[in-house]
C-alpha atoms as a PDB file:
ATOM      1  CA  UNK A   1      -0.155  -0.285   0.221  1.00  0.00           C
ATOM      2  CA  UNK A   2       2.846   2.538   0.816  1.00  0.00           C
ATOM      3  CA  UNK A   3       4.397   1.921  -2.589  1.00  0.00           C
ATOM      4  CA  UNK A   4       1.235   3.133  -3.881  1.00  0.00           C
ATOM      5  CA  UNK A   5       0.401   6.505  -2.313  1.00  0.00           C
ATOM      6  CA  UNK A   6       4.079   7.121  -2.884  1.00  0.00           C
ATOM      7  CA  UNK A   7       3.382   6.731  -6.867  1.00  0.00           C
ATOM      8  CA  UNK A   8       0.150   8.868  -6.273  1.00  0.00           C
ATOM      9  CA  UNK A   9       2.126  11.184  -4.580  1.00  0.00           C
ATOM     10  CA  UNK A  10       5.253  11.740  -7.374  1.00  0.00           C
ATOM     11  CA  UNK A  11       2.555  11.549  -9.698  1.00  0.00           C
ATOM     12  CA  UNK A  12       0.559  14.363  -7.746  1.00  0.00           C
ATOM     13  CA  UNK A  13       3.388  16.911  -7.564  1.00  0.00           C
ATOM     14  CA  UNK A  14       4.402  16.880 -11.289  1.00  0.00           C
ATOM     15  CA  UNK A  15       1.274  16.787 -12.703  1.00  0.00           C
ATOM     16  CA  UNK A  16       1.392  20.240 -13.991  1.00  0.00           C
ATOM     17  CA  UNK A  17       4.341  21.416 -16.089  1.00  0.00           C
ATOM     18  CA  UNK A  18       2.733  24.921 -17.066  1.00  0.00           C
ATOM     19  CA  UNK A  19       0.279  27.160 -15.616  1.00  0.00           C
ATOM     20  CA  UNK A  20      -2.184  27.231 -18.343  1.00  0.00           C
ATOM     21  CA  UNK A  21      -2.200  25.186 -21.729  1.00  0.00           C
ATOM     22  CA  UNK A  22      -3.672  28.035 -24.493  1.00  0.00           C
ATOM     23  CA  UNK A  23      -5.402  25.774 -27.265  1.00  0.00           C
ATOM     24  CA  UNK A  24      -7.347  26.886 -30.379  1.00  0.00           C
ATOM     25  CA  UNK A  25      -8.865  25.754 -33.935  1.00  0.00           C
ATOM     26  CA  UNK A  26      -7.083  27.043 -36.180  1.00  0.00           C
ATOM     27  CA  UNK A  27      -7.949  28.007 -39.429  1.00  0.00           C
ATOM     28  CA  UNK A  28      -6.257  31.144 -40.745  1.00  0.00           C
ATOM     29  CA  UNK A  29      -2.803  30.726 -39.339  1.00  0.00           C
ATOM     30  CA  UNK A  30      -1.951  34.495 -39.744  1.00  0.00           C
ATOM     31  CA  UNK A  31      -5.137  35.293 -37.678  1.00  0.00           C
ATOM     32  CA  UNK A  32      -3.647  32.565 -35.001  1.00  0.00           C
ATOM     33  CA  UNK A  33      -0.276  34.014 -35.041  1.00  0.00           C
ATOM     34  CA  UNK A  34      -1.705  37.265 -33.632  1.00  0.00           C
ATOM     35  CA  UNK A  35      -3.123  35.924 -31.290  1.00  0.00           C
ATOM     36  CA  UNK A  36      -0.565  33.613 -30.731  1.00  0.00           C
ATOM     37  CA  UNK A  37       1.822  36.978 -30.029  1.00  0.00           C
ATOM     38  CA  UNK A  38      -0.199  39.282 -28.088  1.00  0.00           C
ATOM     39  CA  UNK A  39      -0.523  36.527 -25.116  1.00  0.00           C
ATOM     40  CA  UNK A  40       3.070  36.381 -25.080  1.00  0.00           C
ATOM     41  CA  UNK A  41       3.227  40.066 -25.371  1.00  0.00           C
ATOM     42  CA  UNK A  42       0.943  40.224 -21.984  1.00  0.00           C
ATOM     43  CA  UNK A  43       2.927  37.815 -19.552  1.00  0.00           C
ATOM     44  CA  UNK A  44       1.707  34.426 -21.223  1.00  0.00           C
ATOM     45  CA  UNK A  45       5.245  33.199 -21.640  1.00  0.00           C
ATOM     46  CA  UNK A  46       6.589  29.990 -23.192  1.00  0.00           C
ATOM     47  CA  UNK A  47       8.035  29.162 -19.674  1.00  0.00           C
ATOM     48  CA  UNK A  48       4.654  29.599 -18.304  1.00  0.00           C
ATOM     49  CA  UNK A  49       2.739  28.347 -21.360  1.00  0.00           C
ATOM     50  CA  UNK A  50       2.113  25.607 -23.734  1.00  0.00           C
ATOM     51  CA  UNK A  51       0.149  26.526 -27.162  1.00  0.00           C
ATOM     52  CA  UNK A  52      -1.711  23.788 -28.741  1.00  0.00           C
ATOM     53  CA  UNK A  53      -3.568  23.892 -32.138  1.00  0.00           C
ATOM     54  CA  UNK A  54      -5.818  21.964 -34.259  1.00  0.00           C
ATOM     55  CA  UNK A  55      -5.087  22.809 -37.312  1.00  0.00           C
ATOM     56  CA  UNK A  56      -7.861  23.083 -39.661  1.00  0.00           C
ATOM     57  CA  UNK A  57      -5.992  25.327 -42.371  1.00  0.00           C
ATOM     58  CA  UNK A  58      -6.333  22.870 -44.909  1.00  0.00           C
ATOM     59  CA  UNK A  59      -9.895  20.894 -44.152  1.00  0.00           C
ATOM     60  CA  UNK A  60     -11.670  20.374 -41.128  1.00  0.00           C
ATOM     61  CA  UNK A  61      -9.877  17.838 -39.850  1.00  0.00           C
ATOM     62  CA  UNK A  62     -11.334  18.218 -36.201  1.00  0.00           C
ATOM     63  CA  UNK A  63     -14.652  19.546 -35.264  1.00  0.00           C
ATOM     64  CA  UNK A  64     -14.904  21.987 -31.941  1.00  0.00           C
ATOM     65  CA  UNK A  65     -16.118  19.190 -30.117  1.00  0.00           C
ATOM     66  CA  UNK A  66     -13.779  16.109 -31.011  1.00  0.00           C
ATOM     67  CA  UNK A  67     -10.397  19.059 -30.553  1.00  0.00           C
ATOM     68  CA  UNK A  68     -11.824  19.851 -27.475  1.00  0.00           C
ATOM     69  CA  UNK A  69     -11.575  16.528 -25.928  1.00  0.00           C
ATOM     70  CA  UNK A  70      -8.542  16.464 -27.366  1.00  0.00           C
ATOM     71  CA  UNK A  71      -7.317  19.348 -25.918  1.00  0.00           C
ATOM     72  CA  UNK A  72      -8.249  18.565 -22.693  1.00  0.00           C
ATOM     73  CA  UNK A  73      -6.505  15.278 -22.930  1.00  0.00           C
ATOM     74  CA  UNK A  74      -3.718  16.823 -23.763  1.00  0.00           C
ATOM     75  CA  UNK A  75      -2.900  19.528 -22.044  1.00  0.00           C
ATOM     76  CA  UNK A  76      -0.322  19.644 -18.978  1.00  0.00           C
ATOM     77  CA  UNK A  77      -1.212  23.276 -18.137  1.00  0.00           C
ATOM     78  CA  UNK A  78      -2.714  23.977 -14.392  1.00  0.00           C
ATOM     79  CA  UNK A  79      -5.760  25.516 -16.394  1.00  0.00           C
ATOM     80  CA  UNK A  80      -6.459  25.099 -20.397  1.00  0.00           C
ATOM     81  CA  UNK A  81      -7.728  28.264 -22.064  1.00  0.00           C
ATOM     82  CA  UNK A  82      -9.740  27.156 -24.911  1.00  0.00           C
ATOM     83  CA  UNK A  83     -10.350  29.919 -27.303  1.00  0.00           C
ATOM     84  CA  UNK A  84     -10.751  31.193 -30.876  1.00  0.00           C
ATOM     85  CA  UNK A  85      -8.011  32.553 -32.863  1.00  0.00           C
ATOM     86  CA  UNK A  86     -10.242  35.937 -33.603  1.00  0.00           C
ATOM     87  CA  UNK A  87      -9.351  37.091 -30.184  1.00  0.00           C
ATOM     88  CA  UNK A  88      -6.460  39.193 -29.386  1.00  0.00           C
ATOM     89  CA  UNK A  89      -5.206  39.891 -25.556  1.00  0.00           C
ATOM     90  CA  UNK A  90      -4.794  43.649 -25.376  1.00  0.00           C
ATOM     91  CA  UNK A  91      -6.656  44.828 -22.490  1.00  0.00           C
ATOM     92  CA  UNK A  92      -6.103  42.456 -19.253  1.00  0.00           C
ATOM     93  CA  UNK A  93      -3.336  40.247 -19.224  1.00  0.00           C
ATOM     94  CA  UNK A  94      -1.304  36.932 -17.005  1.00  0.00           C
ATOM     95  CA  UNK A  95      -1.474  38.842 -13.538  1.00  0.00           C
ATOM     96  CA  UNK A  96      -5.582  39.728 -14.436  1.00  0.00           C
ATOM     97  CA  UNK A  97      -6.399  36.368 -15.092  1.00  0.00           C
ATOM     98  CA  UNK A  98      -4.652  35.368 -12.156  1.00  0.00           C
ATOM     99  CA  UNK A  99      -6.513  37.217  -9.770  1.00  0.00           C
ATOM    100  CA  UNK A 100      -9.685  36.282 -11.474  1.00  0.00           C
ATOM    101  CA  UNK A 101      -8.823  32.569 -10.548  1.00  0.00           C
ATOM    102  CA  UNK A 102      -8.161  33.658  -7.483  1.00  0.00           C
ATOM    103  CA  UNK A 103     -11.385  35.180  -6.461  1.00  0.00           C
ATOM    104  CA  UNK A 104     -12.612  31.951  -7.919  1.00  0.00           C
ATOM    105  CA  UNK A 105     -10.853  29.895  -5.512  1.00  0.00           C
ATOM    106  CA  UNK A 106     -11.687  32.110  -2.549  1.00  0.00           C
ATOM    107  CA  UNK A 107     -15.676  32.464  -3.270  1.00  0.00           C
ATOM    108  CA  UNK A 108     -15.805  28.559  -5.084  1.00  0.00           C
ATOM    109  CA  UNK A 109     -13.327  26.305  -4.205  1.00  0.00           C
ATOM    110  CA  UNK A 110     -15.791  23.573  -6.547  1.00  0.00           C
ATOM    111  CA  UNK A 111     -15.794  25.483 -10.014  1.00  0.00           C
ATOM    112  CA  UNK A 112     -14.486  23.777 -12.992  1.00  0.00           C
ATOM    113  CA  UNK A 113     -15.031  26.486 -15.954  1.00  0.00           C
ATOM    114  CA  UNK A 114     -15.288  30.459 -16.822  1.00  0.00           C
ATOM    115  CA  UNK A 115     -15.137  32.715 -19.975  1.00  0.00           C
ATOM    116  CA  UNK A 116     -15.726  36.332 -20.061  1.00  0.00           C
ATOM    117  CA  UNK A 117     -19.448  35.766 -21.467  1.00  0.00           C
ATOM    118  CA  UNK A 118     -22.026  33.600 -20.678  1.00  0.00           C
ATOM    119  CA  UNK A 119     -25.937  33.631 -19.319  1.00  0.00           C
ATOM    120  CA  UNK A 120     -26.823  33.421 -15.733  1.00  0.00           C
ATOM    121  CA  UNK A 121     -30.514  32.762 -16.792  1.00  0.00           C
ATOM    122  CA  UNK A 122     -33.350  33.406 -19.374  1.00  0.00           C
ATOM    123  CA  UNK A 123     -32.852  36.553 -20.739  1.00  0.00           C
ATOM    124  CA  UNK A 124     -30.013  37.216 -17.995  1.00  0.00           C
ATOM    125  CA  UNK A 125     -27.081  37.610 -20.847  1.00  0.00           C
ATOM    126  CA  UNK A 126     -23.765  39.007 -19.126  1.00  0.00           C
ATOM    127  CA  UNK A 127     -20.407  39.686 -20.931  1.00  0.00           C
ATOM    128  CA  UNK A 128     -16.909  41.702 -20.241  1.00  0.00           C
ATOM    129  CA  UNK A 129     -15.167  41.974 -23.816  1.00  0.00           C
ATOM    130  CA  UNK A 130     -14.375  44.468 -26.312  1.00  0.00           C
ATOM    131  CA  UNK A 131     -14.373  44.851 -29.888  1.00  0.00           C
ATOM    132  CA  UNK A 132     -12.317  46.235 -32.817  1.00  0.00           C
ATOM    133  CA  UNK A 133     -14.352  49.293 -32.805  1.00  0.00           C
ATOM    134  CA  UNK A 134     -13.884  50.589 -29.318  1.00  0.00           C
ATOM    135  CA  UNK A 135     -17.190  49.076 -27.682  1.00  0.00           C
ATOM    136  CA  UNK A 136     -16.293  47.618 -24.145  1.00  0.00           C
ATOM    137  CA  UNK A 137     -19.223  45.382 -23.325  1.00  0.00           C
ATOM    138  CA  UNK A 138     -19.604  45.437 -19.296  1.00  0.00           C
ATOM    139  CA  UNK A 139     -23.155  43.763 -17.358  1.00  0.00           C
ATOM    140  CA  UNK A 140     -22.630  41.593 -14.812  1.00  0.00           C
ATOM    141  CA  UNK A 141     -21.354  42.022 -11.229  1.00  0.00           C
ATOM    142  CA  UNK A 142     -18.532  39.367 -11.465  1.00  0.00           C
ATOM    143  CA  UNK A 143     -17.729  36.617 -11.006  1.00  0.00           C
ATOM    144  CA  UNK A 144     -20.901  35.906 -12.133  1.00  0.00           C
ATOM    145  CA  UNK A 145     -22.290  32.281 -11.695  1.00  0.00           C
ATOM    146  CA  UNK A 146     -23.916  31.221 -15.291  1.00  0.00           C
ATOM    147  CA  UNK A 147     -25.489  28.109 -16.902  1.00  0.00           C
ATOM    148  CA  UNK A 148     -23.724  28.886 -20.417  1.00  0.00           C
ATOM    149  CA  UNK A 149     -20.548  30.388 -21.667  1.00  0.00           C
ATOM    150  CA  UNK A 150     -19.645  32.028 -24.984  1.00  0.00           C
ATOM    151  CA  UNK A 151     -17.136  30.246 -26.231  1.00  0.00           C
ATOM    152  CA  UNK A 152     -14.657  33.055 -27.464  1.00  0.00           C
ATOM    153  CA  UNK A 153     -12.619  32.482 -24.402  1.00  0.00           C
ATOM    154  CA  UNK A 154     -13.066  29.468 -22.047  1.00  0.00           C
ATOM    155  CA  UNK A 155     -11.064  28.352 -19.293  1.00  0.00           C
ATOM    156  CA  UNK A 156     -11.674  24.764 -17.613  1.00  0.00           C
ATOM    157  CA  UNK A 157      -9.735  23.466 -14.732  1.00  0.00           C
ATOM    158  CA  UNK A 158      -7.592  20.778 -15.108  1.00  0.00           C
ATOM    159  CA  UNK A 159      -7.976  19.009 -11.891  1.00  0.00           C
ATOM    160  CA  UNK A 160     -12.217  18.607 -13.057  1.00  0.00           C
ATOM    161  CA  UNK A 161     -11.182  15.927 -15.424  1.00  0.00           C
ATOM    162  CA  UNK A 162     -13.876  17.763 -17.543  1.00  0.00           C
ATOM    163  CA  UNK A 163     -14.630  16.777 -21.711  1.00  0.00           C
ATOM    164  CA  UNK A 164     -17.296  17.162 -24.106  1.00  0.00           C
ATOM    165  CA  UNK A 165     -20.128  15.007 -24.948  1.00  0.00           C
ATOM    166  CA  UNK A 166     -18.767  12.210 -27.447  1.00  0.00           C
ATOM    167  CA  UNK A 167     -22.322  12.219 -29.485  1.00  0.00           C
ATOM    168  CA  UNK A 168     -22.436  15.657 -30.205  1.00  0.00           C
ATOM    169  CA  UNK A 169     -20.053  17.631 -33.832  1.00  0.00           C
ATOM    170  CA  UNK A 170     -19.785  21.215 -34.861  1.00  0.00           C
ATOM    171  CA  UNK A 171     -18.603  24.144 -34.033  1.00  0.00           C
ATOM    172  CA  UNK A 172     -21.447  25.639 -31.772  1.00  0.00           C
ATOM    173  CA  UNK A 173     -22.786  25.302 -28.490  1.00  0.00           C
ATOM    174  CA  UNK A 174     -19.823  23.300 -26.720  1.00  0.00           C
ATOM    175  CA  UNK A 175     -19.053  25.859 -24.172  1.00  0.00           C
ATOM    176  CA  UNK A 176     -22.776  25.321 -23.210  1.00  0.00           C
ATOM    177  CA  UNK A 177     -21.865  21.317 -23.339  1.00  0.00           C
ATOM    178  CA  UNK A 178     -19.052  22.028 -21.190  1.00  0.00           C
ATOM    179  CA  UNK A 179     -21.259  23.807 -18.063  1.00  0.00           C
ATOM    180  CA  UNK A 180     -23.396  21.071 -18.206  1.00  0.00           C
ATOM    181  CA  UNK A 181     -21.235  18.392 -17.959  1.00  0.00           C
ATOM    182  CA  UNK A 182     -19.435  20.374 -15.389  1.00  0.00           C
ATOM    183  CA  UNK A 183     -22.196  20.186 -13.807  1.00  0.00           C
ATOM    184  CA  UNK A 184     -23.231  17.142 -14.029  1.00  0.00           C
ATOM    185  CA  UNK A 185     -19.465  16.515 -12.106  1.00  0.00           C
ATOM    186  CA  UNK A 186     -19.760  18.412  -9.256  1.00  0.00           C
ATOM    187  CA  UNK A 187     -18.373  21.710 -10.794  1.00  0.00           C
ATOM    188  CA  UNK A 188     -20.044  25.077 -11.138  1.00  0.00           C
ATOM    189  CA  UNK A 189     -19.165  27.726 -14.381  1.00  0.00           C
ATOM    190  CA  UNK A 190     -18.698  31.535 -13.759  1.00  0.00           C
ATOM    191  CA  UNK A 191     -18.228  34.460 -15.766  1.00  0.00           C
ATOM    192  CA  UNK A 192     -14.862  36.763 -14.751  1.00  0.00           C
ATOM    193  CA  UNK A 193     -14.123  40.099 -15.692  1.00  0.00           C
ATOM    194  CA  UNK A 194     -11.494  38.966 -17.618  1.00  0.00           C
ATOM    195  CA  UNK A 195     -10.772  41.898 -20.434  1.00  0.00           C
ATOM    196  CA  UNK A 196     -10.136  41.011 -24.310  1.00  0.00           C
ATOM    197  CA  UNK A 197     -10.736  42.261 -27.504  1.00  0.00           C
ATOM    198  CA  UNK A 198     -13.008  39.650 -29.575  1.00  0.00           C
ATOM    199  CA  UNK A 199     -13.173  40.412 -33.838  1.00  0.00           C
ATOM    200  CA  UNK A 200     -16.417  38.596 -34.190  1.00  0.00           C
ATOM    201  CA  UNK A 201     -19.662  38.913 -32.637  1.00  0.00           C
ATOM    202  CA  UNK A 202     -20.825  35.513 -33.563  1.00  0.00           C
ATOM    203  CA  UNK A 203     -22.926  33.313 -36.264  1.00  0.00           C
ATOM    204  CA  UNK A 204     -26.097  31.648 -35.888  1.00  0.00           C
ATOM    205  CA  UNK A 205     -25.625  29.867 -39.210  1.00  0.00           C
ATOM    206  CA  UNK A 206     -28.044  26.529 -40.246  1.00  0.00           C
ATOM    207  CA  UNK A 207     -25.031  24.448 -38.140  1.00  0.00           C
ATOM    208  CA  UNK A 208     -25.593  26.073 -35.088  1.00  0.00           C
ATOM    209  CA  UNK A 209     -29.492  25.391 -35.151  1.00  0.00           C
ATOM    210  CA  UNK A 210     -28.644  21.988 -36.174  1.00  0.00           C
ATOM    211  CA  UNK A 211     -26.594  21.408 -32.892  1.00  0.00           C
ATOM    212  CA  UNK A 212     -29.111  23.568 -30.303  1.00  0.00           C
ATOM    213  CA  UNK A 213     -31.506  21.006 -31.749  1.00  0.00           C
ATOM    214  CA  UNK A 214     -29.335  17.979 -30.799  1.00  0.00           C
ATOM    215  CA  UNK A 215     -27.519  19.279 -27.436  1.00  0.00           C
ATOM    216  CA  UNK A 216     -31.677  19.609 -26.448  1.00  0.00           C
ATOM    217  CA  UNK A 217     -32.760  16.098 -27.680  1.00  0.00           C
ATOM    218  CA  UNK A 218     -29.419  14.822 -25.943  1.00  0.00           C
ATOM    219  CA  UNK A 219     -30.367  16.414 -22.522  1.00  0.00           C
ATOM    220  CA  UNK A 220     -33.963  16.033 -22.872  1.00  0.00           C
ATOM    221  CA  UNK A 221     -33.314  12.788 -22.895  1.00  0.00           C
ATOM    222  CA  UNK A 222     -30.747  12.438 -20.109  1.00  0.00           C
ATOM    223  CA  UNK A 223     -32.908  13.955 -17.937  1.00  0.00           C
ATOM    224  CA  UNK A 224     -35.851  12.055 -18.577  1.00  0.00           C
ATOM    225  CA  UNK A 225     -37.601  11.006 -15.891  1.00  0.00           C
ATOM    226  CA  UNK A 226     -37.319   7.300 -15.247  1.00  0.00           C
ATOM    227  CA  UNK A 227     -37.063   4.105 -12.775  1.00  0.00           C
ATOM    228  CA  UNK A 228     -33.596   3.194 -12.244  1.00  0.00           C
ATOM    229  CA  UNK A 229     -32.769  -0.538 -10.853  1.00  0.00           C
ATOM    230  CA  UNK A 230     -29.584  -1.596  -9.649  1.00  0.00           C
ATOM    231  CA  UNK A 231     -28.341  -5.381  -8.077  1.00  0.00           C
ATOM    232  CA  UNK A 232     -28.859  -3.668  -4.873  1.00  0.00           C
ATOM    233  CA  UNK A 233     -31.579  -0.932  -4.690  1.00  0.00           C
ATOM    234  CA  UNK A 234     -34.175   0.421  -7.163  1.00  0.00           C
ATOM    235  CA  UNK A 235     -34.692   4.644  -7.176  1.00  0.00           C
ATOM    236  CA  UNK A 236     -36.565   6.724  -9.120  1.00  0.00           C
ATOM    237  CA  UNK A 237     -35.513   9.667 -10.636  1.00  0.00           C
ATOM    238  CA  UNK A 238     -37.504  13.133 -11.759  1.00  0.00           C
ATOM    239  CA  UNK A 239     -36.327  16.812 -11.357  1.00  0.00           C
ATOM    240  CA  UNK A 240     -40.471  17.653 -10.860  1.00  0.00           C
ATOM    241  CA  UNK A 241     -42.644  18.031  -7.768  1.00  0.00           C
ATOM    242  CA  UNK A 242     -45.112  15.273  -9.216  1.00  0.00           C
ATOM    243  CA  UNK A 243     -42.348  12.848 -10.434  1.00  0.00           C
ATOM    244  CA  UNK A 244     -40.711  12.667  -7.016  1.00  0.00           C
ATOM    245  CA  UNK A 245     -44.131  12.024  -5.464  1.00  0.00           C
ATOM    246  CA  UNK A 246     -44.880   9.326  -7.777  1.00  0.00           C
ATOM    247  CA  UNK A 247     -40.909   8.141  -7.042  1.00  0.00           C
ATOM    248  CA  UNK A 248     -41.622   7.105  -3.034  1.00  0.00           C
ATOM    249  CA  UNK A 249     -41.730   4.018  -1.279  1.00  0.00           C
ATOM    250  CA  UNK A 250     -45.676   3.639  -0.964  1.00  0.00           C
ATOM    251  CA  UNK A 251     -45.798   4.013  -5.056  1.00  0.00           C
ATOM    252  CA  UNK A 252     -43.417   1.384  -5.810  1.00  0.00           C
ATOM    253  CA  UNK A 253     -45.305  -0.682  -3.787  1.00  0.00           C
ATOM    254  CA  UNK A 254     -48.607  -0.164  -5.265  1.00  0.00           C
ATOM    255  CA  UNK A 255     -46.685  -0.092  -8.901  1.00  0.00           C
ATOM    256  CA  UNK A 256     -45.290  -3.809  -7.607  1.00  0.00           C
ATOM    257  CA  UNK A 257     -49.373  -5.097  -6.258  1.00  0.00           C
ATOM    258  CA  UNK A 258     -50.197  -3.521  -9.857  1.00  0.00           C
ATOM    259  CA  UNK A 259     -47.729  -5.851 -11.884  1.00  0.00           C
ATOM    260  CA  UNK A 260     -48.388  -9.005  -9.431  1.00  0.00           C
ATOM    261  CA  UNK A 261     -52.102  -8.313  -9.708  1.00  0.00           C
ATOM    262  CA  UNK A 262     -51.620  -8.253 -14.019  1.00  0.00           C
ATOM    263  CA  UNK A 263     -49.425 -11.212 -13.898  1.00  0.00           C
ATOM    264  CA  UNK A 264     -51.672 -13.461 -11.898  1.00  0.00           C
ATOM    265  CA  UNK A 265     -54.971 -12.914 -14.131  1.00  0.00           C
ATOM    266  CA  UNK A 266     -52.356 -14.078 -17.071  1.00  0.00           C
END
């Protein structure tokens, strides 16, 4: 047993080689190089960070979900940044981001994901982001717990061991999926006050609506009301009051009685 503990401790001590792993899907090398240089200029040096990218310059070898799972698996940083190639780190920098992380650690030790824009509920969209025309969008009291995050800039705690869905694909709503997966694994998500410039305001194309439909179908099915039977117990899952009521022991007793009567009549 002692040798196993020693091995575990040695792995933990050397788990993270870098402070940040900065990961990007790349279709335009020139734009990516501009983004990379902006990180370096703002204190994200090669000694503190690794820069990983999925190369889609010739063709789409990766969709976002598959690339992100590869990033999350391969990253050697304590924190994993997943960002668009069309951002520029020309506002806040390394120290400001570390301060945001320290704030989150103090506020909620179980945070798993954060970003600079998202939504805290229906019609409650929040953001802390700039655009090339000089507009600075600042709405919310940060850090703020959210139910969805914009994909331009995501930061994942490596120790949370998160991933996105294997049965979704495309280039939209992976931030939302990541937040849902984090919550399923006991982690919360936040928007933080980390300002950068994003060159785009998004594109809700036909593929966006396809992924939206598939994401809704996936989680509707997963969160369905159901009975779960194991080798040693049976229980009922439901998010609704009536569903919870139907899952109590007395209701189960009558279900078993009813099924028993049906079998005897046959």
